Amino acid sequence: MTRVAVAVLTFLACAAPLRAGDPHMIAVDSNRSLYEIDITTGAKTQFGTVSANAGTTAGLAIGAGNTVYLTSTGNDSLYTLDLATGNATLVGAYGDPAVVMHGIEYVPTTDTLYGASSHNAGLYVIDKTTGAATLVGVTGLASFTNLGWNSSTGVMYATNSGADSLYTVNLATGGATLVGALTGPTNPNGLAYHFGNGNLYLVDNTTDTLYTIDMATGAATPIGSTGTGNLLGLAYLEGPIPVELVGFTVE
């Protein structure tokens, strides 16, 4: 192995902390940067960048077979995301240029992808093959809404950047029911349920902190700083992540 190859492998190892087979909490910010979040400290480590065609990136969701879905608030479309390369592949537009789909979440029991748009406080079902969004109903939450599915209880939770509270969402009607105030975060964004430990996690962009959320009261407990940034999407990924050394030959 040449010195150049060794240097390249060392760089890639430092730049890509994700290990195949391990569970991961991943996040994306509005600048397309991809991070792994340490759920014990809140610290984020960048491991990649989403391709530029995705525009302004926002929500993340993990679908069947560990398919990663990504919503763009810059071009009102759904993408799939290859974590190994950062390449975003367009699925399709939501079909309404007014839609600003901030939070998305996948429900495996019905194989359904949901999204929440700030333009009309609407909850939508998103077609995973075309990207087309169909309105379910209105949540009543006027600002950016994030979604988190508790796979243990079958409850969809939501936070909203205009209300600083936790809600449950009725997937049949779209209606949101208040659980309680977050009592800490003032600009809640990415929301994700970790079914390995039963915790609901949230990132906040005013405090730049990772929290756990009490699903019975809504109260947020800080874990630690994520560092300065604008984290929008958060997702828990269980299982292998493909690792590729693209464009390099080891000799």
C-alpha atoms as a PDB file:
ATOM      1  CA  MET A   1       0.000   0.000   0.000  1.00  0.00           C
ATOM      2  CA  THR A   2       1.419   3.385  -0.999  1.00  0.00           C
ATOM      3  CA  ARG A   3       1.821   6.316   1.408  1.00  0.00           C
ATOM      4  CA  VAL A   4      -0.789   8.216  -0.602  1.00  0.00           C
ATOM      5  CA  ALA A   5      -3.281   5.393  -0.203  1.00  0.00           C
ATOM      6  CA  VAL A   6      -2.617   5.188   3.531  1.00  0.00           C
ATOM      7  CA  ALA A   7      -3.130   8.956   3.862  1.00  0.00           C
ATOM      8  CA  VAL A   8      -6.384   8.776   1.907  1.00  0.00           C
ATOM      9  CA  LEU A   9      -7.708   5.938   4.067  1.00  0.00           C
ATOM     10  CA  THR A  10      -6.740   7.776   7.242  1.00  0.00           C
ATOM     11  CA  PHE A  11      -8.572  10.913   6.053  1.00  0.00           C
ATOM     12  CA  LEU A  12     -11.677   8.969   5.111  1.00  0.00           C
ATOM     13  CA  ALA A  13     -11.709   7.174   8.451  1.00  0.00           C
ATOM     14  CA  CYS A  14     -11.669  10.518  10.258  1.00  0.00           C
ATOM     15  CA  ALA A  15     -14.298  12.059   7.988  1.00  0.00           C
ATOM     16  CA  ALA A  16     -16.735   9.125   8.154  1.00  0.00           C
ATOM     17  CA  PRO A  17     -17.376   8.007  11.769  1.00  0.00           C
ATOM     18  CA  LEU A  18     -20.383   5.837  10.900  1.00  0.00           C
ATOM     19  CA  ARG A  19     -19.743   2.116  11.405  1.00  0.00           C
ATOM     20  CA  ALA A  20     -21.726  -0.535   9.581  1.00  0.00           C
ATOM     21  CA  GLY A  21     -24.005  -2.571  11.827  1.00  0.00           C
ATOM     22  CA  ASP A  22     -24.256   0.021  14.620  1.00  0.00           C
ATOM     23  CA  PRO A  23     -27.355   2.084  15.398  1.00  0.00           C
ATOM     24  CA  HIS A  24     -26.984   5.789  14.676  1.00  0.00           C
ATOM     25  CA  MET A  25     -28.754   9.064  15.338  1.00  0.00           C
ATOM     26  CA  ILE A  26     -28.242  11.103  12.189  1.00  0.00           C
ATOM     27  CA  ALA A  27     -29.066  14.726  11.418  1.00  0.00           C
ATOM     28  CA  VAL A  28     -29.036  17.147   8.514  1.00  0.00           C
ATOM     29  CA  ASP A  29     -28.875  20.928   8.517  1.00  0.00           C
ATOM     30  CA  SER A  30     -30.170  23.515   6.060  1.00  0.00           C
ATOM     31  CA  ASN A  31     -26.729  23.680   4.412  1.00  0.00           C
ATOM     32  CA  ARG A  32     -26.896  19.977   3.442  1.00  0.00           C
ATOM     33  CA  SER A  33     -24.325  18.856   6.030  1.00  0.00           C
ATOM     34  CA  LEU A  34     -24.864  15.353   7.438  1.00  0.00           C
ATOM     35  CA  TYR A  35     -23.981  14.534  11.032  1.00  0.00           C
ATOM     36  CA  GLU A  36     -23.947  11.695  13.507  1.00  0.00           C
ATOM     37  CA  ILE A  37     -25.247  12.805  16.917  1.00  0.00           C
ATOM     38  CA  ASP A  38     -23.819  11.315  20.112  1.00  0.00           C
ATOM     39  CA  ILE A  39     -26.944  10.635  22.174  1.00  0.00           C
ATOM     40  CA  THR A  40     -24.954  10.606  25.417  1.00  0.00           C
ATOM     41  CA  THR A  41     -23.343  14.049  24.972  1.00  0.00           C
ATOM     42  CA  GLY A  42     -25.244  15.805  22.169  1.00  0.00           C
ATOM     43  CA  ALA A  43     -22.036  16.344  20.182  1.00  0.00           C
ATOM     44  CA  LYS A  44     -22.341  16.203  16.398  1.00  0.00           C
ATOM     45  CA  THR A  45     -19.720  14.850  13.995  1.00  0.00           C
ATOM     46  CA  GLN A  46     -19.998  15.563  10.288  1.00  0.00           C
ATOM     47  CA  PHE A  47     -19.689  12.510   8.074  1.00  0.00           C
ATOM     48  CA  GLY A  48     -20.897  13.841   4.722  1.00  0.00           C
ATOM     49  CA  THR A  49     -22.698  16.428   2.634  1.00  0.00           C
ATOM     50  CA  VAL A  50     -25.914  16.014   0.663  1.00  0.00           C
ATOM     51  CA  SER A  51     -25.533  16.634  -3.070  1.00  0.00           C
ATOM     52  CA  ALA A  52     -26.381  20.141  -4.241  1.00  0.00           C
ATOM     53  CA  ASN A  53     -29.407  19.074  -6.295  1.00  0.00           C
ATOM     54  CA  ALA A  54     -31.403  18.699  -3.050  1.00  0.00           C
ATOM     55  CA  GLY A  55     -31.381  22.457  -2.436  1.00  0.00           C
ATOM     56  CA  THR A  56     -32.256  23.497   1.118  1.00  0.00           C
ATOM     57  CA  THR A  57     -32.499  20.299   3.149  1.00  0.00           C
ATOM     58  CA  ALA A  58     -34.860  19.775   6.084  1.00  0.00           C
ATOM     59  CA  GLY A  59     -36.567  16.620   7.427  1.00  0.00           C
ATOM     60  CA  LEU A  60     -35.262  13.041   7.470  1.00  0.00           C
ATOM     61  CA  ALA A  61     -37.130   9.742   7.753  1.00  0.00           C
ATOM     62  CA  ILE A  62     -36.030   6.102   7.690  1.00  0.00           C
ATOM     63  CA  GLY A  63     -38.247   3.851   5.593  1.00  0.00           C
ATOM     64  CA  ALA A  64     -38.450   0.142   4.859  1.00  0.00           C
ATOM     65  CA  GLY A  65     -35.103  -1.499   4.207  1.00  0.00           C
ATOM     66  CA  ASN A  66     -33.323   1.482   5.826  1.00  0.00           C
ATOM     67  CA  THR A  67     -34.259   3.719   2.895  1.00  0.00           C
ATOM     68  CA  VAL A  68     -33.435   7.281   3.923  1.00  0.00           C
ATOM     69  CA  TYR A  69     -35.964   9.907   2.822  1.00  0.00           C
ATOM     70  CA  LEU A  70     -35.126  13.591   2.685  1.00  0.00           C
ATOM     71  CA  THR A  71     -37.378  16.593   2.173  1.00  0.00           C
ATOM     72  CA  SER A  72     -36.227  19.801   0.510  1.00  0.00           C
ATOM     73  CA  THR A  73     -37.847  23.075   1.492  1.00  0.00           C
ATOM     74  CA  GLY A  74     -35.999  24.773  -1.356  1.00  0.00           C
ATOM     75  CA  ASN A  75     -37.696  22.942  -4.221  1.00  0.00           C
ATOM     76  CA  ASP A  76     -40.737  21.306  -2.560  1.00  0.00           C
ATOM     77  CA  SER A  77     -39.700  17.749  -3.367  1.00  0.00           C
ATOM     78  CA  LEU A  78     -38.951  14.343  -1.851  1.00  0.00           C
ATOM     79  CA  TYR A  79     -35.582  12.612  -2.254  1.00  0.00           C
ATOM     80  CA  THR A  80     -33.948   9.368  -1.230  1.00  0.00           C
ATOM     81  CA  LEU A  81     -30.492   9.732   0.266  1.00  0.00           C
ATOM     82  CA  ASP A  82     -27.417   7.511   0.014  1.00  0.00           C
ATOM     83  CA  LEU A  83     -25.575   8.036   3.302  1.00  0.00           C
ATOM     84  CA  ALA A  84     -22.374   6.486   1.961  1.00  0.00           C
ATOM     85  CA  THR A  85     -22.000   9.049  -0.818  1.00  0.00           C
ATOM     86  CA  GLY A  86     -24.336  11.890   0.155  1.00  0.00           C
ATOM     87  CA  ASN A  87     -26.086  11.561  -3.187  1.00  0.00           C
ATOM     88  CA  ALA A  88     -29.736  12.654  -3.154  1.00  0.00           C
ATOM     89  CA  THR A  89     -31.991  11.085  -5.779  1.00  0.00           C
ATOM     90  CA  LEU A  90     -35.171  12.936  -6.698  1.00  0.00           C
ATOM     91  CA  VAL A  91     -38.355  10.960  -6.099  1.00  0.00           C
ATOM     92  CA  GLY A  92     -40.653  13.765  -7.188  1.00  0.00           C
ATOM     93  CA  ALA A  93     -42.294  17.079  -6.390  1.00  0.00           C
ATOM     94  CA  TYR A  94     -45.068  17.339  -3.806  1.00  0.00           C
ATOM     95  CA  GLY A  95     -47.350  18.754  -6.458  1.00  0.00           C
ATOM     96  CA  ASP A  96     -48.177  22.085  -4.833  1.00  0.00           C
ATOM     97  CA  PRO A  97     -45.587  24.903  -4.996  1.00  0.00           C
ATOM     98  CA  ALA A  98     -47.042  26.381  -1.791  1.00  0.00           C
ATOM     99  CA  VAL A  99     -46.045  23.315   0.237  1.00  0.00           C
ATOM    100  CA  VAL A 100     -43.072  23.754   2.592  1.00  0.00           C
ATOM    101  CA  MET A 101     -42.632  20.233   3.954  1.00  0.00           C
ATOM    102  CA  HIS A 102     -40.422  20.629   6.988  1.00  0.00           C
ATOM    103  CA  GLY A 103     -40.946  17.437   8.985  1.00  0.00           C
ATOM    104  CA  ILE A 104     -41.392  13.946   7.520  1.00  0.00           C
ATOM    105  CA  GLU A 105     -41.827  10.592   9.251  1.00  0.00           C
ATOM    106  CA  TYR A 106     -42.364   6.972   8.203  1.00  0.00           C
ATOM    107  CA  VAL A 107     -44.882   4.615   9.824  1.00  0.00           C
ATOM    108  CA  PRO A 108     -43.835   1.005   9.142  1.00  0.00           C
ATOM    109  CA  THR A 109     -47.078  -0.620  10.271  1.00  0.00           C
ATOM    110  CA  THR A 110     -48.899   0.943   7.319  1.00  0.00           C
ATOM    111  CA  ASP A 111     -45.851   1.554   5.089  1.00  0.00           C
ATOM    112  CA  THR A 112     -46.796   5.234   4.955  1.00  0.00           C
ATOM    113  CA  LEU A 113     -44.649   8.354   4.722  1.00  0.00           C
ATOM    114  CA  TYR A 114     -46.133  11.475   6.322  1.00  0.00           C
ATOM    115  CA  GLY A 115     -45.139  15.104   6.038  1.00  0.00           C
ATOM    116  CA  ALA A 116     -46.112  18.392   7.680  1.00  0.00           C
ATOM    117  CA  SER A 117     -46.266  21.652   5.739  1.00  0.00           C
ATOM    118  CA  SER A 118     -46.070  25.095   7.309  1.00  0.00           C
ATOM    119  CA  HIS A 119     -48.023  26.840   4.558  1.00  0.00           C
ATOM    120  CA  ASN A 120     -51.405  25.517   5.719  1.00  0.00           C
ATOM    121  CA  ALA A 121     -50.561  23.597   8.921  1.00  0.00           C
ATOM    122  CA  GLY A 122     -51.429  20.462   6.938  1.00  0.00           C
ATOM    123  CA  LEU A 123     -50.557  16.824   7.564  1.00  0.00           C
ATOM    124  CA  TYR A 124     -49.898  14.974   4.305  1.00  0.00           C
ATOM    125  CA  VAL A 125     -49.392  11.440   3.057  1.00  0.00           C
ATOM    126  CA  ILE A 126     -46.451  11.395   0.653  1.00  0.00           C
ATOM    127  CA  ASP A 127     -46.294   8.865  -2.179  1.00  0.00           C
ATOM    128  CA  LYS A 128     -42.886   7.173  -1.811  1.00  0.00           C
ATOM    129  CA  THR A 129     -42.657   6.411  -5.524  1.00  0.00           C
ATOM    130  CA  THR A 130     -43.731   9.768  -6.995  1.00  0.00           C
ATOM    131  CA  GLY A 131     -43.362  12.326  -4.192  1.00  0.00           C
ATOM    132  CA  ALA A 132     -46.964  13.484  -4.617  1.00  0.00           C
ATOM    133  CA  ALA A 133     -48.454  14.806  -1.354  1.00  0.00           C
ATOM    134  CA  THR A 134     -52.107  14.278  -0.392  1.00  0.00           C
ATOM    135  CA  LEU A 135     -53.640  16.342   2.398  1.00  0.00           C
ATOM    136  CA  VAL A 136     -54.963  14.333   5.359  1.00  0.00           C
ATOM    137  CA  GLY A 137     -56.126  17.286   7.445  1.00  0.00           C
ATOM    138  CA  VAL A 138     -55.036  20.377   9.334  1.00  0.00           C
ATOM    139  CA  THR A 139     -52.991  20.127  12.522  1.00  0.00           C
ATOM    140  CA  GLY A 140     -53.646  23.703  13.629  1.00  0.00           C
ATOM    141  CA  LEU A 141     -49.902  24.243  14.189  1.00  0.00           C
ATOM    142  CA  ALA A 142     -48.952  27.384  12.327  1.00  0.00           C
ATOM    143  CA  SER A 143     -45.150  27.202  12.051  1.00  0.00           C
ATOM    144  CA  PHE A 144     -42.535  24.530  11.225  1.00  0.00           C
ATOM    145  CA  THR A 145     -43.806  21.155  12.438  1.00  0.00           C
ATOM    146  CA  ASN A 146     -41.593  18.135  13.100  1.00  0.00           C
ATOM    147  CA  LEU A 147     -42.812  14.552  13.363  1.00  0.00           C
ATOM    148  CA  GLY A 148     -41.642  11.595  15.456  1.00  0.00           C
ATOM    149  CA  TRP A 149     -43.247   8.136  15.383  1.00  0.00           C
ATOM    150  CA  ASN A 150     -43.159   6.066  18.576  1.00  0.00           C
ATOM    151  CA  SER A 151     -42.979   2.565  17.136  1.00  0.00           C
ATOM    152  CA  SER A 152     -43.478   1.011  20.589  1.00  0.00           C
ATOM    153  CA  THR A 153     -46.876   2.614  21.245  1.00  0.00           C
ATOM    154  CA  GLY A 154     -48.031   3.539  17.740  1.00  0.00           C
ATOM    155  CA  VAL A 155     -48.294   7.259  18.496  1.00  0.00           C
ATOM    156  CA  MET A 156     -47.195  10.102  16.206  1.00  0.00           C
ATOM    157  CA  TYR A 157     -45.686  13.022  18.102  1.00  0.00           C
ATOM    158  CA  ALA A 158     -45.059  16.515  16.818  1.00  0.00           C
ATOM    159  CA  THR A 159     -43.313  19.684  17.863  1.00  0.00           C
ATOM    160  CA  ASN A 160     -43.809  23.110  16.373  1.00  0.00           C
ATOM    161  CA  SER A 161     -41.325  25.975  16.272  1.00  0.00           C
ATOM    162  CA  GLY A 162     -44.076  28.492  16.927  1.00  0.00           C
ATOM    163  CA  ALA A 163     -45.510  26.853  20.040  1.00  0.00           C
ATOM    164  CA  ASP A 164     -42.574  25.233  21.918  1.00  0.00           C
ATOM    165  CA  SER A 165     -44.765  22.306  22.960  1.00  0.00           C
ATOM    166  CA  LEU A 166     -45.216  18.583  22.346  1.00  0.00           C
ATOM    167  CA  TYR A 167     -48.327  17.247  20.598  1.00  0.00           C
ATOM    168  CA  THR A 168     -49.807  13.972  19.452  1.00  0.00           C
ATOM    169  CA  VAL A 169     -51.160  13.823  15.907  1.00  0.00           C
ATOM    170  CA  ASN A 170     -54.219  11.922  14.721  1.00  0.00           C
ATOM    171  CA  LEU A 171     -53.129  10.257  11.474  1.00  0.00           C
ATOM    172  CA  ALA A 172     -56.725   9.864  10.285  1.00  0.00           C
ATOM    173  CA  THR A 173     -57.722  13.519  10.647  1.00  0.00           C
ATOM    174  CA  GLY A 174     -54.426  15.432  10.968  1.00  0.00           C
ATOM    175  CA  GLY A 175     -55.570  17.038  14.218  1.00  0.00           C
ATOM    176  CA  ALA A 176     -52.955  17.801  16.888  1.00  0.00           C
ATOM    177  CA  THR A 177     -53.575  17.419  20.633  1.00  0.00           C
ATOM    178  CA  LEU A 178     -51.412  19.231  23.166  1.00  0.00           C
ATOM    179  CA  VAL A 179     -49.346  17.051  25.519  1.00  0.00           C
ATOM    180  CA  GLY A 180     -47.491  19.861  27.277  1.00  0.00           C
ATOM    181  CA  ALA A 181     -44.857  22.581  27.115  1.00  0.00           C
ATOM    182  CA  LEU A 182     -41.263  21.654  26.314  1.00  0.00           C
ATOM    183  CA  THR A 183     -40.036  23.998  29.087  1.00  0.00           C
ATOM    184  CA  GLY A 184     -36.634  24.731  27.583  1.00  0.00           C
ATOM    185  CA  PRO A 185     -36.341  24.537  23.795  1.00  0.00           C
ATOM    186  CA  THR A 186     -37.578  27.674  22.024  1.00  0.00           C
ATOM    187  CA  ASN A 187     -36.972  26.666  18.393  1.00  0.00           C
ATOM    188  CA  PRO A 188     -37.593  22.892  18.266  1.00  0.00           C
ATOM    189  CA  ASN A 189     -36.687  21.151  15.040  1.00  0.00           C
ATOM    190  CA  GLY A 190     -35.646  17.558  14.338  1.00  0.00           C
ATOM    191  CA  LEU A 191     -37.581  14.909  16.292  1.00  0.00           C
ATOM    192  CA  ALA A 192     -36.783  11.176  16.395  1.00  0.00           C
ATOM    193  CA  TYR A 193     -37.772   8.132  18.462  1.00  0.00           C
ATOM    194  CA  HIS A 194     -34.989   5.724  19.464  1.00  0.00           C
ATOM    195  CA  PHE A 195     -36.734   2.351  19.737  1.00  0.00           C
ATOM    196  CA  GLY A 196     -33.563   0.813  21.151  1.00  0.00           C
ATOM    197  CA  ASN A 197     -33.838   2.754  24.410  1.00  0.00           C
ATOM    198  CA  GLY A 198     -37.417   4.072  24.237  1.00  0.00           C
ATOM    199  CA  ASN A 199     -36.478   7.768  24.213  1.00  0.00           C
ATOM    200  CA  LEU A 200     -37.829  10.588  22.050  1.00  0.00           C
ATOM    201  CA  TYR A 201     -35.058  13.015  21.029  1.00  0.00           C
ATOM    202  CA  LEU A 202     -35.225  16.608  19.836  1.00  0.00           C
ATOM    203  CA  VAL A 203     -32.714  19.151  18.513  1.00  0.00           C
ATOM    204  CA  ASP A 204     -33.296  22.848  19.128  1.00  0.00           C
ATOM    205  CA  ASN A 205     -31.771  25.634  17.036  1.00  0.00           C
ATOM    206  CA  THR A 206     -31.915  28.461  19.552  1.00  0.00           C
ATOM    207  CA  THR A 207     -30.185  26.588  22.349  1.00  0.00           C
ATOM    208  CA  ASP A 208     -28.184  24.294  19.969  1.00  0.00           C
ATOM    209  CA  THR A 209     -28.897  21.413  22.315  1.00  0.00           C
ATOM    210  CA  LEU A 210     -30.021  17.788  22.099  1.00  0.00           C
ATOM    211  CA  TYR A 211     -32.906  16.870  24.429  1.00  0.00           C
ATOM    212  CA  THR A 212     -34.933  13.869  25.484  1.00  0.00           C
ATOM    213  CA  ILE A 213     -38.675  14.509  25.691  1.00  0.00           C
ATOM    214  CA  ASP A 214     -41.049  13.152  28.313  1.00  0.00           C
ATOM    215  CA  MET A 215     -43.843  11.780  26.128  1.00  0.00           C
ATOM    216  CA  ALA A 216     -46.347  11.977  28.990  1.00  0.00           C
ATOM    217  CA  THR A 217     -45.779  15.640  29.893  1.00  0.00           C
ATOM    218  CA  GLY A 218     -43.834  17.194  26.999  1.00  0.00           C
ATOM    219  CA  ALA A 219     -41.013  18.344  29.279  1.00  0.00           C
ATOM    220  CA  ALA A 220     -37.561  18.447  27.670  1.00  0.00           C
ATOM    221  CA  THR A 221     -34.385  17.334  29.467  1.00  0.00           C
ATOM    222  CA  PRO A 222     -31.103  18.637  28.002  1.00  0.00           C
ATOM    223  CA  ILE A 223     -28.386  16.133  27.135  1.00  0.00           C
ATOM    224  CA  GLY A 224     -25.723  18.464  25.770  1.00  0.00           C
ATOM    225  CA  SER A 225     -24.685  20.936  23.135  1.00  0.00           C
ATOM    226  CA  THR A 226     -24.803  20.011  19.459  1.00  0.00           C
ATOM    227  CA  GLY A 227     -22.630  23.033  18.611  1.00  0.00           C
ATOM    228  CA  THR A 228     -23.527  26.064  16.532  1.00  0.00           C
ATOM    229  CA  GLY A 229     -25.604  25.261  13.471  1.00  0.00           C
ATOM    230  CA  ASN A 230     -29.071  24.858  12.024  1.00  0.00           C
ATOM    231  CA  LEU A 231     -30.015  21.199  12.478  1.00  0.00           C
ATOM    232  CA  LEU A 232     -33.435  20.518  10.958  1.00  0.00           C
ATOM    233  CA  GLY A 233     -33.800  16.786  10.375  1.00  0.00           C
ATOM    234  CA  LEU A 234     -33.180  14.012  12.914  1.00  0.00           C
ATOM    235  CA  ALA A 235     -33.594  10.260  12.425  1.00  0.00           C
ATOM    236  CA  TYR A 236     -32.693   7.037  14.221  1.00  0.00           C
ATOM    237  CA  LEU A 237     -31.163   4.408  11.966  1.00  0.00           C
ATOM    238  CA  GLU A 238     -30.940   0.804  13.156  1.00  0.00           C
ATOM    239  CA  GLY A 239     -28.745  -1.552  11.180  1.00  0.00           C
ATOM    240  CA  PRO A 240     -25.938  -1.453   8.637  1.00  0.00           C
ATOM    241  CA  ILE A 241     -24.810   1.634   6.774  1.00  0.00           C
ATOM    242  CA  PRO A 242     -22.941   1.008   3.504  1.00  0.00           C
ATOM    243  CA  VAL A 243     -19.357   2.221   3.478  1.00  0.00           C
ATOM    244  CA  GLU A 244     -17.742   3.022   0.138  1.00  0.00           C
ATOM    245  CA  LEU A 245     -14.328   4.348  -0.842  1.00  0.00           C
ATOM    246  CA  VAL A 246     -15.393   5.963  -4.075  1.00  0.00           C
ATOM    247  CA  GLY A 247     -12.761   7.011  -6.608  1.00  0.00           C
ATOM    248  CA  PHE A 248      -9.694   5.605  -4.827  1.00  0.00           C
ATOM    249  CA  THR A 249      -7.595   2.538  -5.540  1.00  0.00           C
ATOM    250  CA  VAL A 250      -5.684   0.817  -2.752  1.00  0.00           C
ATOM    251  CA  GLU A 251      -2.436  -0.675  -3.971  1.00  0.00           C
END
